[in-house]
Amino acid sequence: MFSRKLSKFIAAGAAAVAVAIGGIAIGNSNTGNGGSGSASAATATTGNVIPFARGNPSPSTVVGQVPQGWSAGSGTLVTGTAATKAKAAAVAAYPGGIVNRVVAVSNGDYNVHIIGVNWPHHVFVNQDFKVIGAE
């Protein structure tokens, strides 16, 4: 009986690891494919990413412009060409993290959510795919 529980536990752990690796792979897909967004991304200013360090939080800093009325968790998920262009601009300006989603905010700008770093978690890209702010 103990060995069946152990086997189930190991199988569940392996499945969790596989899902995590798949999520990272999806998040990293299209990183090099900026398409027509790569020219816009090249005009973005480069920022300093603060690497993730467990148990060592960094202060929250706002740089540039955050869309008025925006709050974390708000917006509509975006995929396709717009997401690819927004992601390319954000990664060009703030390399070093993993993009796990792109969200359209109410004013038409994009919030590119970055994980694997203490800062920035949110990079804001306008409708012309230029980075306008980070938080």
N, C-alpha and C. Protein backbone atom coordinates (compact mmCIF):
# COMPACT_ATOMS: atom_id res chain seq x y z
N MET A 1 0.82 -1.18 0.00
CA MET A 1 0.00 0.00 0.00
C MET A 1 0.87 1.26 0.00
N PHE A 2 1.94 1.24 0.81
CA PHE A 2 2.83 2.39 0.87
C PHE A 2 3.49 2.64 -0.49
N SER A 3 3.86 1.56 -1.19
CA SER A 3 4.54 1.73 -2.48
C SER A 3 3.60 2.31 -3.53
N ARG A 4 2.29 2.01 -3.47
CA ARG A 4 1.34 2.62 -4.42
C ARG A 4 1.21 4.11 -4.17
N LYS A 5 1.16 4.51 -2.90
CA LYS A 5 1.07 5.94 -2.57
C LYS A 5 2.34 6.65 -3.02
N LEU A 6 3.48 6.03 -2.79
CA LEU A 6 4.74 6.62 -3.21
C LEU A 6 4.79 6.75 -4.73
N SER A 7 4.34 5.72 -5.44
CA SER A 7 4.32 5.77 -6.90
C SER A 7 3.41 6.88 -7.40
N LYS A 8 2.24 7.03 -6.78
CA LYS A 8 1.33 8.12 -7.18
C LYS A 8 1.96 9.47 -6.91
N PHE A 9 2.62 9.61 -5.78
CA PHE A 9 3.27 10.87 -5.43
C PHE A 9 4.37 11.21 -6.44
N ILE A 10 5.18 10.23 -6.79
CA ILE A 10 6.25 10.45 -7.77
C ILE A 10 5.67 10.79 -9.13
N ALA A 11 4.61 10.09 -9.54
CA ALA A 11 3.98 10.38 -10.82
C ALA A 11 3.40 11.79 -10.85
N ALA A 12 2.77 12.20 -9.75
CA ALA A 12 2.21 13.55 -9.68
C ALA A 12 3.32 14.60 -9.74
N GLY A 13 4.43 14.34 -9.08
CA GLY A 13 5.56 15.27 -9.12
C GLY A 13 6.14 15.38 -10.51
N ALA A 14 6.28 14.24 -11.18
CA ALA A 14 6.80 14.24 -12.55
C ALA A 14 5.87 15.00 -13.49
N ALA A 15 4.57 14.83 -13.30
CA ALA A 15 3.60 15.55 -14.13
C ALA A 15 3.70 17.05 -13.90
N ALA A 16 3.86 17.45 -12.64
CA ALA A 16 3.98 18.87 -12.32
C ALA A 16 5.22 19.47 -12.97
N VAL A 17 6.32 18.73 -12.93
CA VAL A 17 7.56 19.21 -13.57
C VAL A 17 7.37 19.33 -15.07
N ALA A 18 6.71 18.36 -15.69
CA ALA A 18 6.47 18.39 -17.13
C ALA A 18 5.61 19.59 -17.52
N VAL A 19 4.59 19.88 -16.73
CA VAL A 19 3.73 21.03 -17.01
C VAL A 19 4.52 22.33 -16.87
N ALA A 20 5.36 22.42 -15.85
CA ALA A 20 6.16 23.63 -15.65
C ALA A 20 7.13 23.84 -16.82
N ILE A 21 7.78 22.78 -17.26
CA ILE A 21 8.72 22.89 -18.38
C ILE A 21 7.97 23.28 -19.65
N GLY A 22 6.79 22.70 -19.86
CA GLY A 22 5.99 23.07 -21.02
C GLY A 22 5.58 24.53 -20.99
N GLY A 23 5.20 25.02 -19.81
CA GLY A 23 4.83 26.44 -19.67
C GLY A 23 5.98 27.36 -19.98
N ILE A 24 7.16 26.99 -19.52
CA ILE A 24 8.34 27.81 -19.80
C ILE A 24 8.64 27.78 -21.30
N ALA A 25 8.53 26.62 -21.91
CA ALA A 25 8.80 26.51 -23.35
C ALA A 25 7.82 27.36 -24.14
N ILE A 26 6.54 27.34 -23.76
CA ILE A 26 5.55 28.16 -24.45
C ILE A 26 5.84 29.63 -24.24
N GLY A 27 6.20 29.99 -23.02
CA GLY A 27 6.51 31.39 -22.72
C GLY A 27 7.70 31.89 -23.50
N ASN A 28 8.66 31.00 -23.77
CA ASN A 28 9.85 31.40 -24.51
C ASN A 28 9.71 31.27 -26.00
N SER A 29 8.62 30.70 -26.49
CA SER A 29 8.45 30.55 -27.93
C SER A 29 8.32 31.91 -28.58
N ASN A 30 8.79 32.03 -29.79
CA ASN A 30 8.76 33.26 -30.59
C ASN A 30 9.64 34.37 -30.05
N THR A 31 10.53 34.09 -29.08
CA THR A 31 11.38 35.15 -28.55
C THR A 31 12.21 35.78 -29.65
N GLY A 32 12.75 34.97 -30.54
CA GLY A 32 13.59 35.51 -31.59
C GLY A 32 12.81 35.99 -32.79
N ASN A 33 11.50 35.80 -32.83
CA ASN A 33 10.71 36.15 -33.99
C ASN A 33 9.92 37.41 -33.71
N GLY A 34 10.59 38.55 -33.81
CA GLY A 34 9.92 39.81 -33.56
C GLY A 34 9.09 40.28 -34.72
N GLY A 35 9.26 39.69 -35.90
CA GLY A 35 8.50 40.11 -37.07
C GLY A 35 8.69 41.58 -37.32
N SER A 36 7.61 42.26 -37.71
CA SER A 36 7.72 43.69 -37.96
C SER A 36 7.84 44.47 -36.67
N GLY A 37 7.62 43.81 -35.53
CA GLY A 37 7.76 44.48 -34.24
C GLY A 37 9.21 44.67 -33.85
N SER A 38 10.15 43.99 -34.50
CA SER A 38 11.54 44.08 -34.10
C SER A 38 12.09 45.48 -34.33
N ALA A 39 11.64 46.18 -35.34
CA ALA A 39 12.12 47.55 -35.56
C ALA A 39 11.64 48.45 -34.44
N SER A 40 10.40 48.28 -34.01
CA SER A 40 9.89 49.07 -32.89
C SER A 40 10.60 48.71 -31.61
N ALA A 41 10.89 47.42 -31.42
CA ALA A 41 11.55 46.98 -30.21
C ALA A 41 12.95 47.59 -30.12
N ALA A 42 13.59 47.80 -31.24
CA ALA A 42 14.94 48.35 -31.24
C ALA A 42 14.96 49.77 -30.71
N THR A 43 13.84 50.48 -30.77
CA THR A 43 13.80 51.85 -30.28
C THR A 43 13.52 51.93 -28.79
N ALA A 44 13.19 50.79 -28.17
CA ALA A 44 12.90 50.79 -26.73
C ALA A 44 14.19 51.02 -25.95
N THR A 45 14.08 51.71 -24.83
CA THR A 45 15.25 51.90 -23.99
C THR A 45 15.49 50.64 -23.17
N THR A 46 16.74 50.33 -22.96
CA THR A 46 17.09 49.12 -22.22
C THR A 46 16.99 49.40 -20.73
N GLY A 47 16.39 48.46 -20.00
CA GLY A 47 16.23 48.61 -18.56
C GLY A 47 17.07 47.60 -17.81
N ASN A 48 17.17 47.80 -16.54
CA ASN A 48 17.90 46.88 -15.69
C ASN A 48 16.93 45.92 -15.05
N VAL A 49 17.07 44.65 -15.37
CA VAL A 49 16.25 43.61 -14.77
C VAL A 49 16.90 43.19 -13.46
N ILE A 50 16.09 43.04 -12.42
CA ILE A 50 16.60 42.55 -11.14
C ILE A 50 16.29 41.07 -11.09
N PRO A 51 17.32 40.23 -11.12
CA PRO A 51 17.10 38.77 -11.14
C PRO A 51 16.34 38.30 -9.91
N PHE A 52 15.62 37.21 -10.07
CA PHE A 52 14.86 36.64 -8.98
C PHE A 52 15.80 36.03 -7.96
N ALA A 53 15.57 36.34 -6.70
CA ALA A 53 16.32 35.74 -5.60
C ALA A 53 15.32 35.41 -4.50
N ARG A 54 15.06 34.12 -4.31
CA ARG A 54 14.09 33.67 -3.32
C ARG A 54 14.44 34.24 -1.94
N GLY A 55 13.44 34.82 -1.29
CA GLY A 55 13.62 35.37 0.04
C GLY A 55 14.31 36.71 0.07
N ASN A 56 14.58 37.28 -1.09
CA ASN A 56 15.27 38.55 -1.16
C ASN A 56 14.49 39.49 -2.08
N PRO A 57 13.32 39.97 -1.61
CA PRO A 57 12.50 40.82 -2.48
C PRO A 57 13.19 42.16 -2.76
N SER A 58 12.91 42.67 -3.94
CA SER A 58 13.44 43.97 -4.30
C SER A 58 12.32 45.00 -4.19
N PRO A 59 12.69 46.27 -4.01
CA PRO A 59 11.66 47.29 -3.92
C PRO A 59 10.91 47.43 -5.24
N SER A 60 9.63 47.72 -5.16
CA SER A 60 8.82 47.94 -6.35
C SER A 60 9.11 49.33 -6.90
N THR A 61 9.41 49.40 -8.16
CA THR A 61 9.75 50.67 -8.80
C THR A 61 8.88 50.83 -10.04
N VAL A 62 8.41 52.05 -10.25
CA VAL A 62 7.65 52.36 -11.46
C VAL A 62 8.53 53.24 -12.33
N VAL A 63 8.66 52.85 -13.59
CA VAL A 63 9.47 53.61 -14.56
C VAL A 63 8.56 53.95 -15.72
N GLY A 64 8.64 55.17 -16.17
CA GLY A 64 7.85 55.58 -17.34
C GLY A 64 6.38 55.70 -17.01
N GLN A 65 5.56 55.29 -17.95
CA GLN A 65 4.11 55.50 -17.88
C GLN A 65 3.38 54.17 -17.69
N VAL A 66 2.54 54.13 -16.65
CA VAL A 66 1.64 53.00 -16.42
C VAL A 66 0.25 53.46 -16.85
N PRO A 67 -0.44 52.69 -17.67
CA PRO A 67 -1.76 53.12 -18.14
C PRO A 67 -2.71 53.48 -16.98
N GLN A 68 -3.38 54.59 -17.13
CA GLN A 68 -4.29 55.07 -16.09
C GLN A 68 -5.42 54.05 -15.89
N GLY A 69 -5.71 53.77 -14.64
CA GLY A 69 -6.78 52.84 -14.30
C GLY A 69 -6.38 51.38 -14.37
N TRP A 70 -5.12 51.09 -14.72
CA TRP A 70 -4.67 49.71 -14.82
C TRP A 70 -4.50 49.13 -13.42
N SER A 71 -4.85 47.87 -13.25
CA SER A 71 -4.57 47.15 -12.02
C SER A 71 -4.14 45.73 -12.38
N ALA A 72 -3.28 45.16 -11.56
CA ALA A 72 -2.77 43.80 -11.82
C ALA A 72 -3.95 42.84 -11.94
N GLY A 73 -3.90 41.99 -12.93
CA GLY A 73 -4.96 41.00 -13.15
C GLY A 73 -6.07 41.48 -14.07
N SER A 74 -6.04 42.75 -14.46
CA SER A 74 -7.08 43.26 -15.34
C SER A 74 -6.64 43.15 -16.79
N GLY A 75 -7.60 43.19 -17.71
CA GLY A 75 -7.30 43.15 -19.13
C GLY A 75 -7.74 41.85 -19.76
N THR A 76 -7.46 41.74 -21.06
CA THR A 76 -7.85 40.59 -21.86
C THR A 76 -6.61 39.95 -22.45
N LEU A 77 -6.47 38.63 -22.30
CA LEU A 77 -5.32 37.93 -22.86
C LEU A 77 -5.26 38.13 -24.37
N VAL A 78 -4.04 38.30 -24.88
CA VAL A 78 -3.81 38.53 -26.30
C VAL A 78 -2.88 37.44 -26.82
N THR A 79 -3.17 36.94 -28.01
CA THR A 79 -2.29 35.97 -28.67
C THR A 79 -2.05 36.45 -30.10
N GLY A 80 -1.24 35.73 -30.84
CA GLY A 80 -1.04 36.06 -32.24
C GLY A 80 0.00 37.14 -32.46
N THR A 81 -0.14 37.84 -33.57
CA THR A 81 0.84 38.83 -34.00
C THR A 81 1.00 39.96 -33.00
N ALA A 82 -0.10 40.47 -32.46
CA ALA A 82 0.00 41.57 -31.49
C ALA A 82 0.78 41.13 -30.25
N ALA A 83 0.51 39.94 -29.76
CA ALA A 83 1.22 39.44 -28.59
C ALA A 83 2.70 39.25 -28.90
N THR A 84 3.00 38.73 -30.06
CA THR A 84 4.39 38.51 -30.46
C THR A 84 5.16 39.83 -30.54
N LYS A 85 4.54 40.85 -31.12
CA LYS A 85 5.19 42.16 -31.24
C LYS A 85 5.38 42.81 -29.88
N ALA A 86 4.36 42.75 -29.02
CA ALA A 86 4.46 43.34 -27.68
C ALA A 86 5.54 42.62 -26.87
N LYS A 87 5.57 41.31 -26.97
CA LYS A 87 6.58 40.51 -26.26
C LYS A 87 7.98 40.87 -26.75
N ALA A 88 8.17 40.99 -28.06
CA ALA A 88 9.48 41.32 -28.62
C ALA A 88 9.96 42.68 -28.11
N ALA A 89 9.08 43.65 -28.05
CA ALA A 89 9.45 44.98 -27.56
C ALA A 89 9.85 44.93 -26.09
N ALA A 90 9.06 44.22 -25.28
CA ALA A 90 9.34 44.13 -23.84
C ALA A 90 10.65 43.41 -23.57
N VAL A 91 10.89 42.31 -24.27
CA VAL A 91 12.11 41.52 -24.05
C VAL A 91 13.34 42.29 -24.54
N ALA A 92 13.19 43.08 -25.60
CA ALA A 92 14.31 43.90 -26.07
C ALA A 92 14.68 44.95 -25.04
N ALA A 93 13.67 45.51 -24.36
CA ALA A 93 13.92 46.55 -23.37
C ALA A 93 14.34 45.98 -22.02
N TYR A 94 13.82 44.83 -21.66
CA TYR A 94 14.08 44.21 -20.36
C TYR A 94 14.41 42.73 -20.54
N PRO A 95 15.58 42.40 -21.07
CA PRO A 95 15.94 40.99 -21.27
C PRO A 95 16.23 40.30 -19.94
N GLY A 96 16.01 39.00 -19.91
CA GLY A 96 16.41 38.23 -18.74
C GLY A 96 15.29 37.52 -18.03
N GLY A 97 14.06 37.83 -18.33
CA GLY A 97 12.94 37.14 -17.69
C GLY A 97 12.23 36.24 -18.67
N ILE A 98 11.11 35.70 -18.24
CA ILE A 98 10.30 34.82 -19.07
C ILE A 98 8.92 35.46 -19.20
N VAL A 99 8.48 35.69 -20.43
CA VAL A 99 7.14 36.23 -20.65
C VAL A 99 6.15 35.09 -20.57
N ASN A 100 5.17 35.24 -19.66
CA ASN A 100 4.18 34.16 -19.57
C ASN A 100 2.81 34.57 -20.09
N ARG A 101 2.60 35.87 -20.35
CA ARG A 101 1.34 36.28 -20.98
C ARG A 101 1.44 37.74 -21.42
N VAL A 102 0.59 38.06 -22.38
CA VAL A 102 0.42 39.44 -22.84
C VAL A 102 -1.05 39.76 -22.71
N VAL A 103 -1.34 40.93 -22.13
CA VAL A 103 -2.72 41.32 -21.85
C VAL A 103 -2.98 42.69 -22.45
N ALA A 104 -4.11 42.85 -23.12
CA ALA A 104 -4.54 44.16 -23.62
C ALA A 104 -5.24 44.87 -22.47
N VAL A 105 -4.83 46.09 -22.18
CA VAL A 105 -5.48 46.87 -21.13
C VAL A 105 -6.54 47.77 -21.75
N SER A 106 -7.34 48.39 -20.92
CA SER A 106 -8.54 49.09 -21.39
C SER A 106 -8.26 50.21 -22.39
N ASN A 107 -7.09 50.86 -22.35
CA ASN A 107 -6.83 51.97 -23.26
C ASN A 107 -6.19 51.51 -24.58
N GLY A 108 -6.02 50.19 -24.78
CA GLY A 108 -5.45 49.68 -26.01
C GLY A 108 -3.97 49.35 -25.93
N ASP A 109 -3.30 49.74 -24.83
CA ASP A 109 -1.90 49.38 -24.63
C ASP A 109 -1.83 47.91 -24.21
N TYR A 110 -0.61 47.41 -24.07
CA TYR A 110 -0.40 46.02 -23.69
C TYR A 110 0.41 45.94 -22.41
N ASN A 111 0.07 44.97 -21.57
CA ASN A 111 0.83 44.65 -20.37
C ASN A 111 1.50 43.31 -20.63
N VAL A 112 2.83 43.32 -20.72
CA VAL A 112 3.59 42.10 -20.92
C VAL A 112 4.05 41.65 -19.54
N HIS A 113 3.56 40.49 -19.10
CA HIS A 113 3.84 39.98 -17.77
C HIS A 113 5.09 39.11 -17.81
N ILE A 114 6.08 39.48 -17.00
CA ILE A 114 7.36 38.78 -16.99
C ILE A 114 7.54 38.08 -15.65
N ILE A 115 7.95 36.80 -15.72
CA ILE A 115 8.25 36.05 -14.50
C ILE A 115 9.72 35.65 -14.50
N GLY A 116 10.20 35.22 -13.36
CA GLY A 116 11.59 34.81 -13.24
C GLY A 116 12.51 35.96 -12.88
N VAL A 117 11.94 37.13 -12.58
CA VAL A 117 12.72 38.29 -12.15
C VAL A 117 11.98 38.95 -10.98
N ASN A 118 12.73 39.64 -10.12
CA ASN A 118 12.09 40.40 -9.05
C ASN A 118 11.48 41.69 -9.60
N TRP A 119 12.09 42.24 -10.66
CA TRP A 119 11.57 43.46 -11.28
C TRP A 119 12.06 43.52 -12.71
N PRO A 120 11.31 43.98 -13.65
CA PRO A 120 9.89 44.33 -13.63
C PRO A 120 9.01 43.10 -13.89
N HIS A 121 7.84 43.11 -13.31
CA HIS A 121 6.86 42.06 -13.59
C HIS A 121 5.92 42.48 -14.71
N HIS A 122 5.73 43.78 -14.86
CA HIS A 122 4.80 44.31 -15.87
C HIS A 122 5.55 45.32 -16.72
N VAL A 123 5.61 45.05 -18.02
CA VAL A 123 6.19 46.00 -18.96
C VAL A 123 5.05 46.46 -19.86
N PHE A 124 4.88 47.76 -19.95
CA PHE A 124 3.77 48.32 -20.72
C PHE A 124 4.26 48.77 -22.09
N VAL A 125 3.54 48.33 -23.11
CA VAL A 125 3.88 48.59 -24.50
C VAL A 125 2.68 49.27 -25.15
N ASN A 126 2.92 50.35 -25.90
CA ASN A 126 1.79 51.05 -26.52
C ASN A 126 1.34 50.35 -27.80
N GLN A 127 0.37 50.94 -28.46
CA GLN A 127 -0.22 50.34 -29.66
C GLN A 127 0.75 50.33 -30.85
N ASP A 128 1.81 51.13 -30.75
CA ASP A 128 2.86 51.14 -31.79
C ASP A 128 3.99 50.17 -31.42
N PHE A 129 3.79 49.38 -30.36
CA PHE A 129 4.73 48.37 -29.89
C PHE A 129 6.05 48.99 -29.43
N LYS A 130 5.94 50.10 -28.72
CA LYS A 130 7.08 50.74 -28.08
C LYS A 130 6.87 50.68 -26.57
N VAL A 131 7.91 50.36 -25.83
CA VAL A 131 7.81 50.29 -24.38
C VAL A 131 7.60 51.69 -23.83
N ILE A 132 6.56 51.81 -22.98
CA ILE A 132 6.25 53.12 -22.39
C ILE A 132 6.46 53.15 -20.88
N GLY A 133 6.55 51.98 -20.25
CA GLY A 133 6.75 51.95 -18.81
C GLY A 133 6.91 50.54 -18.28
N ALA A 134 7.29 50.48 -17.00
CA ALA A 134 7.48 49.18 -16.34
C ALA A 134 7.19 49.34 -14.86
N GLU A 135 6.80 48.23 -14.28
CA GLU A 135 6.56 48.23 -12.82
C GLU A 135 6.85 46.85 -12.29
